[in-house]
Protein backbone atom coordinates (compact mmCIF):
# COMPACT_ATOMS: atom_id res chain seq x y z
CA MET A 1 -19.93 7.73 -54.18
CA ALA A 2 -21.50 7.18 -57.58
CA VAL A 3 -21.04 10.06 -59.99
CA LEU A 4 -24.16 12.18 -60.46
CA PRO A 5 -24.93 14.73 -63.18
CA SER A 6 -23.62 18.23 -62.52
CA ALA A 7 -25.87 20.96 -61.12
CA SER A 8 -25.78 22.84 -64.43
CA THR A 9 -26.75 19.71 -66.37
CA LEU A 10 -29.78 19.30 -64.11
CA GLY A 11 -30.74 22.98 -64.27
CA LEU A 12 -29.87 23.52 -60.60
CA ALA A 13 -28.14 26.30 -58.70
CA ALA A 14 -26.15 23.80 -56.61
CA LEU A 15 -25.95 20.07 -55.92
CA HIS A 16 -24.73 18.69 -52.58
CA HIS A 17 -23.99 14.96 -52.68
CA ARG A 18 -23.57 13.20 -49.32
CA ALA A 19 -22.33 9.66 -48.81
CA THR A 20 -24.24 9.50 -45.50
CA THR A 21 -26.40 12.01 -43.71
CA THR A 22 -29.05 11.99 -41.03
CA SER A 23 -31.68 13.41 -43.40
CA THR A 24 -31.48 15.33 -46.67
CA MET A 25 -34.47 17.31 -45.43
CA ASP A 26 -32.54 18.53 -42.39
CA ASP A 27 -29.52 19.33 -44.55
CA ALA A 28 -31.68 21.33 -46.95
CA HIS A 29 -33.24 23.39 -44.15
CA ARG A 30 -29.77 24.26 -42.82
CA LEU A 31 -28.58 25.27 -46.27
CA ALA A 32 -31.69 27.35 -46.92
CA ALA A 33 -31.37 29.12 -43.57
CA ALA A 34 -27.81 30.01 -44.54
CA GLY A 35 -29.03 31.57 -47.79
CA ALA A 36 -28.90 28.73 -50.33
CA PRO A 37 -30.79 29.79 -53.47
CA ALA A 38 -33.79 28.17 -55.07
CA GLY A 39 -32.73 25.16 -57.07
CA THR A 40 -30.33 23.80 -54.46
CA LEU A 41 -30.50 20.00 -54.19
CA VAL A 42 -29.20 17.61 -51.54
CA VAL A 43 -28.77 13.95 -52.52
CA ALA A 44 -27.61 11.21 -50.14
CA ASP A 45 -26.44 7.67 -50.76
CA ARG A 46 -27.73 6.78 -47.30
CA GLN A 47 -29.92 8.47 -44.70
CA GLU A 48 -29.70 7.46 -41.07
CA THR A 49 -33.04 9.02 -40.08
CA GLY A 50 -34.87 9.70 -43.34
CA ARG A 51 -38.46 10.69 -42.71
CA GLY A 52 -41.84 10.90 -44.34
CA ARG A 53 -45.10 12.55 -43.36
CA ALA A 54 -46.24 12.60 -39.72
CA GLY A 55 -42.76 11.65 -38.51
CA ARG A 56 -42.74 8.27 -40.22
CA VAL A 57 -39.35 6.72 -40.99
CA TRP A 58 -38.38 6.23 -44.65
CA ALA A 59 -36.05 3.27 -45.22
CA SER A 60 -32.90 4.71 -46.81
CA ALA A 61 -30.29 1.96 -47.14
CA PRO A 62 -27.18 2.51 -49.31
CA GLY A 63 -27.94 1.97 -52.99
CA ALA A 64 -31.59 1.15 -52.32
CA GLY A 65 -33.02 4.36 -53.68
CA LEU A 66 -32.77 7.99 -54.62
CA TRP A 67 -33.01 10.12 -51.48
CA MET A 68 -33.07 13.87 -52.03
CA THR A 69 -34.43 17.26 -50.99
CA LEU A 70 -34.85 20.28 -53.25
CA ILE A 71 -34.94 23.87 -51.96
CA GLU A 72 -37.33 26.27 -53.67
CA ARG A 73 -38.41 29.81 -52.76
CA PRO A 74 -41.96 30.26 -54.15
CA ARG A 75 -43.72 33.62 -54.03
CA ASP A 76 -47.27 32.27 -54.12
CA ARG A 77 -48.24 31.01 -50.67
CA ASP A 78 -51.57 29.66 -51.93
CA MET A 79 -49.84 27.06 -54.10
CA LEU A 80 -48.42 25.34 -51.01
CA GLU A 81 -51.81 23.72 -50.35
CA VAL A 82 -51.55 21.70 -53.56
CA LEU A 83 -47.78 21.53 -54.08
CA ALA A 84 -47.40 17.88 -53.05
CA LEU A 85 -50.27 16.92 -55.39
CA ARG A 86 -48.82 18.96 -58.27
CA LEU A 87 -45.41 17.38 -57.70
CA GLY A 88 -46.98 13.93 -57.62
CA LEU A 89 -48.61 14.50 -61.00
CA ALA A 90 -45.37 15.73 -62.53
CA LEU A 91 -43.28 12.92 -61.08
CA ALA A 92 -45.75 10.24 -62.15
CA VAL A 93 -45.24 11.25 -65.76
CA ALA A 94 -41.45 11.49 -65.32
CA LEU A 95 -41.18 8.05 -63.68
CA ASP A 96 -43.48 6.17 -66.06
CA PRO A 97 -40.62 5.17 -68.41
CA PHE A 98 -38.68 3.54 -65.56
CA VAL A 99 -41.35 1.18 -64.18
CA ALA A 100 -43.36 -1.82 -65.32
CA SER A 101 -46.75 -0.11 -65.47
CA SER A 102 -48.23 3.37 -65.24
CA VAL A 103 -47.48 5.21 -61.99
CA ARG A 104 -50.57 5.81 -59.88
CA LEU A 105 -51.22 8.41 -57.18
CA LYS A 106 -52.48 8.09 -53.62
CA TRP A 107 -53.60 11.25 -51.84
CA PRO A 108 -51.85 13.24 -50.62
CA ASN A 109 -48.22 12.41 -51.40
CA ASP A 110 -47.52 8.84 -52.52
CA LEU A 111 -46.70 7.28 -55.89
CA PHE A 112 -47.50 3.63 -56.56
CA VAL A 113 -46.85 1.00 -59.19
CA GLY A 114 -49.69 -1.49 -59.02
CA TYR A 115 -50.39 -1.63 -55.28
CA GLY A 116 -46.77 -1.18 -54.21
CA LYS A 117 -45.41 2.17 -53.04
CA LEU A 118 -42.72 3.47 -55.37
CA ALA A 119 -42.04 6.96 -54.02
CA GLY A 120 -43.11 9.50 -51.44
CA ILE A 121 -43.08 13.29 -51.28
CA LEU A 122 -42.65 15.46 -48.19
CA VAL A 123 -43.03 19.24 -48.40
CA GLU A 124 -41.97 21.43 -45.47
CA ALA A 125 -42.23 25.22 -45.56
CA ARG A 126 -40.45 27.81 -43.45
CA TRP A 127 -42.07 31.18 -42.92
CA ARG A 128 -41.05 34.71 -42.00
CA GLU A 129 -44.21 36.31 -40.69
CA GLU A 130 -46.70 36.04 -43.59
CA LEU A 131 -44.15 35.22 -46.27
CA VAL A 132 -42.78 31.84 -47.33
CA GLU A 133 -39.00 31.96 -47.02
CA TRP A 134 -38.43 28.56 -48.57
CA VAL A 135 -39.85 25.11 -49.08
CA ALA A 136 -37.89 21.90 -48.75
CA ILE A 137 -39.23 19.22 -51.09
CA GLY A 138 -38.13 15.77 -50.02
CA VAL A 139 -38.54 12.86 -52.42
CA GLY A 140 -37.61 9.22 -51.95
CA VAL A 141 -37.75 6.77 -54.85
CA ASN A 142 -37.17 3.04 -54.36
CA MET A 143 -34.54 1.63 -56.70
CA ARG A 144 -34.93 -1.81 -55.16
CA PRO A 145 -37.78 -2.93 -52.89
CA PRO A 146 -36.98 -2.35 -49.19
CA VAL A 147 -36.58 -5.71 -47.43
CA ASP A 148 -38.78 -4.63 -44.53
CA PHE A 149 -41.70 -3.53 -46.75
CA VAL A 150 -43.05 -6.46 -48.73
CA ASP A 151 -45.60 -4.37 -50.62
CA ALA A 152 -43.14 -1.77 -51.93
CA ALA A 153 -42.40 -1.21 -55.62
CA SER A 154 -39.23 -0.02 -57.33
CA VAL A 155 -37.90 1.19 -60.66
CA ARG A 156 -36.36 -1.36 -63.03
CA GLY A 157 -33.01 -2.79 -62.01
CA ASP A 158 -31.14 -1.21 -64.92
CA VAL A 159 -32.16 2.36 -64.00
CA SER A 160 -29.51 4.67 -62.51
CA ARG A 161 -29.88 7.58 -60.14
CA ALA A 162 -28.44 9.84 -62.84
CA GLU A 163 -31.27 8.85 -65.19
CA LEU A 164 -33.88 9.47 -62.51
CA LEU A 165 -32.46 12.87 -61.60
CA THR A 166 -32.29 13.92 -65.23
CA ALA A 167 -35.96 13.04 -65.69
CA MET A 168 -37.23 14.36 -62.36
CA MET A 169 -35.49 17.69 -61.83
CA PRO A 170 -37.06 19.67 -64.70
CA VAL A 171 -40.61 18.64 -63.80
CA MET A 172 -40.08 19.19 -60.07
CA ARG A 173 -38.76 22.68 -60.66
CA ALA A 174 -41.60 23.47 -63.04
CA ALA A 175 -44.23 22.17 -60.60
CA SER A 176 -42.71 24.33 -57.86
CA THR A 177 -43.34 27.48 -59.90
CA GLY A 178 -47.04 26.69 -60.35
CA THR A 179 -49.53 29.11 -58.86
CA GLY A 180 -52.94 28.80 -57.29
CA ALA A 181 -55.22 25.80 -57.11
CA LEU A 182 -55.18 22.74 -59.34
CA SER A 183 -56.51 23.39 -62.82
CA SER A 184 -59.26 21.37 -64.48
CA ASP A 185 -56.61 19.64 -66.59
CA GLU A 186 -54.63 18.74 -63.47
CA LEU A 187 -57.74 17.35 -61.81
CA LEU A 188 -58.46 15.19 -64.85
CA ALA A 189 -54.85 13.98 -64.91
CA TRP A 190 -55.04 13.13 -61.20
CA ARG A 191 -58.28 11.18 -61.63
CA ALA A 192 -56.74 9.15 -64.46
CA ARG A 193 -54.00 7.99 -62.07
CA ASP A 194 -55.97 7.98 -58.80
CA LEU A 195 -55.35 4.77 -56.85
CA SER A 196 -58.08 5.57 -54.35
CA VAL A 197 -61.18 6.78 -56.17
CA GLY A 198 -64.10 4.36 -55.71
CA ARG A 199 -62.32 2.46 -52.93
CA HIS A 200 -63.43 2.16 -49.34
CA VAL A 201 -61.23 3.81 -46.70
CA SER A 202 -61.27 3.92 -42.92
CA ALA A 203 -59.38 7.22 -42.59
CA PRO A 204 -59.27 10.17 -42.63
CA ILE A 205 -63.05 9.68 -43.10
CA ALA A 206 -64.72 6.28 -43.26
CA GLY A 207 -66.40 5.91 -46.61
CA VAL A 208 -65.80 5.70 -50.36
CA VAL A 209 -63.33 8.03 -52.03
CA GLN A 210 -64.88 10.31 -54.66
CA GLY A 211 -61.71 12.11 -55.75
CA ILE A 212 -60.03 15.41 -54.96
CA THR A 213 -60.94 19.08 -55.39
CA ALA A 214 -58.99 22.00 -56.82
CA ASP A 215 -57.80 23.04 -53.36
CA GLY A 216 -56.34 19.57 -52.73
CA SER A 217 -59.09 18.26 -50.46
CA LEU A 218 -59.96 14.57 -50.45
CA MET A 219 -63.68 13.94 -51.02
CA VAL A 220 -65.25 10.91 -49.33
CA ARG A 221 -68.85 9.67 -49.26
CA SER A 222 -69.39 9.08 -45.55
CA ASP A 223 -70.44 5.65 -44.28
CA VAL A 224 -72.42 7.33 -41.51
CA SER A 225 -74.46 9.96 -43.32
CA GLY A 226 -73.95 9.24 -47.00
CA ALA A 227 -72.94 12.87 -47.42
CA ILE A 228 -69.81 13.93 -49.29
CA LYS A 229 -67.26 15.12 -46.76
CA SER A 230 -63.84 16.63 -47.30
CA ALA A 231 -60.49 16.18 -45.61
CA ARG A 232 -57.58 18.58 -45.94
CA SER A 233 -55.05 16.58 -43.93
CA GLY A 234 -54.36 13.11 -42.60
CA SER A 235 -53.40 9.79 -44.11
CA LEU A 236 -55.61 7.73 -46.39
CA VAL A 237 -56.09 4.17 -45.10
CA PHE A 238 -57.75 1.54 -47.28
CA SER A 239 -60.21 -0.90 -45.71
CA ALA A 240 -62.67 -3.58 -46.64
CA ALA A 241 -66.16 -2.34 -47.42
CA PRO A 242 -68.48 -2.45 -44.39
CA SER A 243 -70.91 -5.34 -44.07
CA SER A 244 -74.44 -4.61 -45.28
């Protein structure tokens, strides 16, 4: 296994490095259930069943990317609604130096370079009654384009996982301590990187994307009524504009 920075160097409570695992997300949930503190990170060289949102499979071949899950224990339950967006904003800035052009954001959890997907974020929370016990924040970053995904993007070939971790961990941990809805500054920062605004989509609502709101909702001008409608969940699917 390639040597990674120490937990203390990365500002973490613990770092678990696996050569192969089924999923760093599953590992993180087991560790958290056993009492692992906030700031515990699981990194794998290879995942056998890495996953994204809605049960999708994330390609996780050896050496092809940085596959990891961070455990945090936030106190503010309201921030969970926008955590993936807040993390996306933070990671876009952190990853900019390692790619060919500015990182862009696709609601609700994807990072792109140009029109190729660079990274994805998956946030899963575990609850005890009304309280959040922990969140597992899974992130996958392509270090070389997956062979089965022709439209994927990756960081430059000279970038190491150690460099990525050093850049990403501080901003991920800081984003995880944020509270409440997105601020006006965060909304402006999102719009500046928004891959979707002004584009026609077929889902989760057919229409033209107008942006996002402070609570993380996607705003779309409906093809049917012309009204602005909001979506709180689902996947954003680009489409050609409808015929006039």
